[in-house]
């Protein structure tokens, strides 16, 4: 496992301690357990989707907990009585826990289980008070919320 040294960045930045801690903890906690496999998709500027392959799990077997800046997905497999004798067991029948660190103002919008895939839609909603605002020099005009990026205006032209 390679270790990243964020010391030079910590010396020249203020307020990014949480980000560096998350990166260091993820590198430390990455044990190579890739069960269940998952995808993370960006669907728009403020929309994301996490898809987990949870074949064999029922909605009652899954527990999704959203806390501030943390999404925890747990699967608890129930023991089911088999009618016959199993000669080979190749389908994973184990529980799991996946943790996803979420950025500020990201909330779970929806979760659905279909065809063995658990789909969790996320949405980032930045409060009006936190959006960037134009500041008038010498108080010539009031504050105004900045909409979009300047690159968006160039694309429209």
Protein backbone atom coordinates (compact mmCIF):
# COMPACT_ATOMS: atom_id res chain seq x y z
CA UNK A 1 0.00 0.00 0.00
CA UNK A 2 1.38 3.41 -0.89
CA UNK A 3 1.09 6.23 1.62
CA UNK A 4 0.50 9.78 0.50
CA UNK A 5 2.11 12.59 2.44
CA UNK A 6 -0.22 15.58 2.58
CA UNK A 7 2.05 17.59 4.89
CA UNK A 8 3.08 20.15 2.23
CA UNK A 9 -0.58 20.77 1.40
CA UNK A 10 -1.61 20.98 5.04
CA UNK A 11 1.01 23.73 5.56
CA UNK A 12 -0.33 25.92 2.76
CA UNK A 13 -4.10 25.43 3.09
CA UNK A 14 -6.64 26.37 5.71
CA UNK A 15 -9.86 24.49 6.41
CA UNK A 16 -9.13 21.40 4.32
CA UNK A 17 -8.24 19.17 7.27
CA UNK A 18 -11.39 17.07 6.85
CA UNK A 19 -10.59 16.40 3.18
CA UNK A 20 -7.05 15.27 3.93
CA UNK A 21 -8.29 13.10 6.81
CA UNK A 22 -10.84 11.43 4.52
CA UNK A 23 -8.18 10.70 1.88
CA UNK A 24 -5.76 9.27 4.43
CA UNK A 25 -8.48 7.14 6.09
CA UNK A 26 -9.65 5.77 2.73
CA UNK A 27 -6.10 4.77 1.81
CA UNK A 28 -5.70 3.08 5.20
CA UNK A 29 -9.11 1.36 5.14
CA UNK A 30 -8.93 0.11 1.56
CA UNK A 31 -8.57 -3.55 2.41
CA UNK A 32 -9.27 -4.83 -1.09
CA UNK A 33 -12.77 -6.08 -0.27
CA UNK A 34 -14.71 -5.31 -3.41
CA UNK A 35 -18.02 -6.87 -2.37
CA UNK A 36 -20.49 -5.85 -3.51
CA UNK A 37 -19.26 -4.18 -6.68
CA UNK A 38 -20.59 -0.67 -7.30
CA UNK A 39 -20.57 2.24 -9.73
CA UNK A 40 -20.65 5.97 -8.98
CA UNK A 41 -22.09 8.09 -11.76
CA UNK A 42 -22.34 11.85 -12.21
CA UNK A 43 -25.69 12.59 -13.86
CA UNK A 44 -25.56 16.39 -13.86
CA UNK A 45 -23.89 19.31 -12.13
CA UNK A 46 -25.52 18.45 -8.80
CA UNK A 47 -26.84 14.91 -9.35
CA UNK A 48 -25.12 11.61 -8.64
CA UNK A 49 -26.08 7.93 -8.69
CA UNK A 50 -24.55 5.02 -6.80
CA UNK A 51 -25.41 1.56 -8.15
CA UNK A 52 -24.56 -1.55 -6.12
CA UNK A 53 -24.85 -5.11 -7.44
CA UNK A 54 -26.78 -6.86 -4.67
CA UNK A 55 -28.13 -9.96 -6.40
CA UNK A 56 -30.11 -12.20 -4.07
CA UNK A 57 -30.89 -9.44 -1.56
CA UNK A 58 -34.48 -8.40 -0.90
CA UNK A 59 -35.49 -4.88 0.14
CA UNK A 60 -35.97 -6.14 3.71
CA UNK A 61 -32.34 -7.36 3.74
CA UNK A 62 -30.95 -3.89 2.94
CA UNK A 63 -30.47 -0.98 5.30
CA UNK A 64 -29.53 2.49 4.00
CA UNK A 65 -28.57 5.14 6.53
CA UNK A 66 -27.79 8.73 5.58
CA UNK A 67 -26.05 10.87 8.15
CA UNK A 68 -24.30 14.17 7.73
CA UNK A 69 -21.58 13.59 5.14
CA UNK A 70 -21.88 9.78 5.34
CA UNK A 71 -23.99 7.19 3.54
CA UNK A 72 -23.91 3.64 4.91
CA UNK A 73 -25.40 0.74 2.95
CA UNK A 74 -25.67 -2.58 4.77
CA UNK A 75 -26.89 -5.93 3.55
CA UNK A 76 -27.83 -8.65 5.99
CA UNK A 77 -28.38 -12.00 4.35
CA UNK A 78 -30.93 -14.21 6.04
CA UNK A 79 -30.40 -17.93 6.28
CA UNK A 80 -32.88 -19.65 4.02
CA UNK A 81 -33.61 -23.33 4.25
CA UNK A 82 -32.56 -25.21 1.12
CA UNK A 83 -34.71 -28.07 -0.14
CA UNK A 84 -31.75 -30.10 -1.35
CA UNK A 85 -28.11 -30.70 -0.58
CA UNK A 86 -25.78 -28.00 -1.94
CA UNK A 87 -22.98 -29.54 -4.00
CA UNK A 88 -21.33 -26.20 -4.86
CA UNK A 89 -21.92 -22.75 -3.39
CA UNK A 90 -20.61 -20.09 -5.78
CA UNK A 91 -23.12 -17.34 -5.09
CA UNK A 92 -21.99 -15.07 -2.29
CA UNK A 93 -24.29 -15.38 0.68
CA UNK A 94 -22.71 -12.90 3.02
CA UNK A 95 -23.55 -9.59 4.53
CA UNK A 96 -21.77 -6.39 3.66
CA UNK A 97 -21.32 -2.78 4.66
CA UNK A 98 -20.33 -0.02 2.24
CA UNK A 99 -19.59 3.52 3.40
CA UNK A 100 -19.60 6.54 1.11
CA UNK A 101 -18.32 9.93 2.27
CA UNK A 102 -20.65 12.65 1.00
CA UNK A 103 -19.82 16.28 0.32
CA UNK A 104 -21.60 19.03 2.20
CA UNK A 105 -25.25 19.55 1.22
CA UNK A 106 -25.52 16.18 -0.59
CA UNK A 107 -28.66 14.27 0.36
CA UNK A 108 -30.25 10.98 -0.68
CA UNK A 109 -33.15 11.66 -3.02
CA UNK A 110 -34.27 8.12 -3.82
CA UNK A 111 -33.31 4.45 -3.44
CA UNK A 112 -34.69 1.57 -5.50
CA UNK A 113 -33.93 -2.15 -5.89
CA UNK A 114 -34.58 -3.67 -9.29
CA UNK A 115 -33.07 -6.64 -11.13
CA UNK A 116 -30.45 -7.19 -8.43
CA UNK A 117 -29.20 -3.58 -8.57
CA UNK A 118 -29.63 -1.13 -5.72
CA UNK A 119 -29.76 2.39 -7.19
CA UNK A 120 -29.30 5.37 -4.86
CA UNK A 121 -29.84 8.84 -6.32
CA UNK A 122 -28.09 11.74 -4.62
CA UNK A 123 -28.67 15.46 -5.01
CA UNK A 124 -26.51 18.40 -3.91
CA UNK A 125 -28.59 21.36 -2.72
CA UNK A 126 -26.49 24.36 -1.78
CA UNK A 127 -28.46 26.82 0.40
CA UNK A 128 -29.08 30.28 -1.08
CA UNK A 129 -26.94 31.86 1.64
CA UNK A 130 -23.94 29.73 0.59
CA UNK A 131 -24.10 30.51 -3.15
CA UNK A 132 -21.53 33.00 -4.52
CA UNK A 133 -22.70 36.59 -4.74
CA UNK A 134 -21.47 39.64 -6.67
CA UNK A 135 -20.27 42.37 -4.35
CA UNK A 136 -20.77 45.92 -5.57
CA UNK A 137 -17.84 48.30 -5.26
CA UNK A 138 -18.73 51.49 -3.34
CA UNK A 139 -22.25 50.14 -2.83
CA UNK A 140 -23.44 51.12 -6.34
CA UNK A 141 -25.92 48.25 -6.54
CA UNK A 142 -27.15 45.48 -4.24
CA UNK A 143 -25.86 41.95 -3.98
CA UNK A 144 -26.86 39.51 -6.69
CA UNK A 145 -26.54 35.74 -6.84
CA UNK A 146 -24.20 34.49 -9.55
CA UNK A 147 -25.98 31.97 -11.79
CA UNK A 148 -23.96 29.28 -13.62
CA UNK A 149 -20.38 29.51 -14.80
CA UNK A 150 -18.97 32.00 -17.28
CA UNK A 151 -18.17 28.99 -19.47
CA UNK A 152 -21.90 28.26 -19.68
CA UNK A 153 -22.52 31.68 -21.24
CA UNK A 154 -19.81 31.05 -23.84
CA UNK A 155 -21.40 27.70 -24.75
CA UNK A 156 -24.76 29.37 -25.33
CA UNK A 157 -23.27 31.94 -27.76
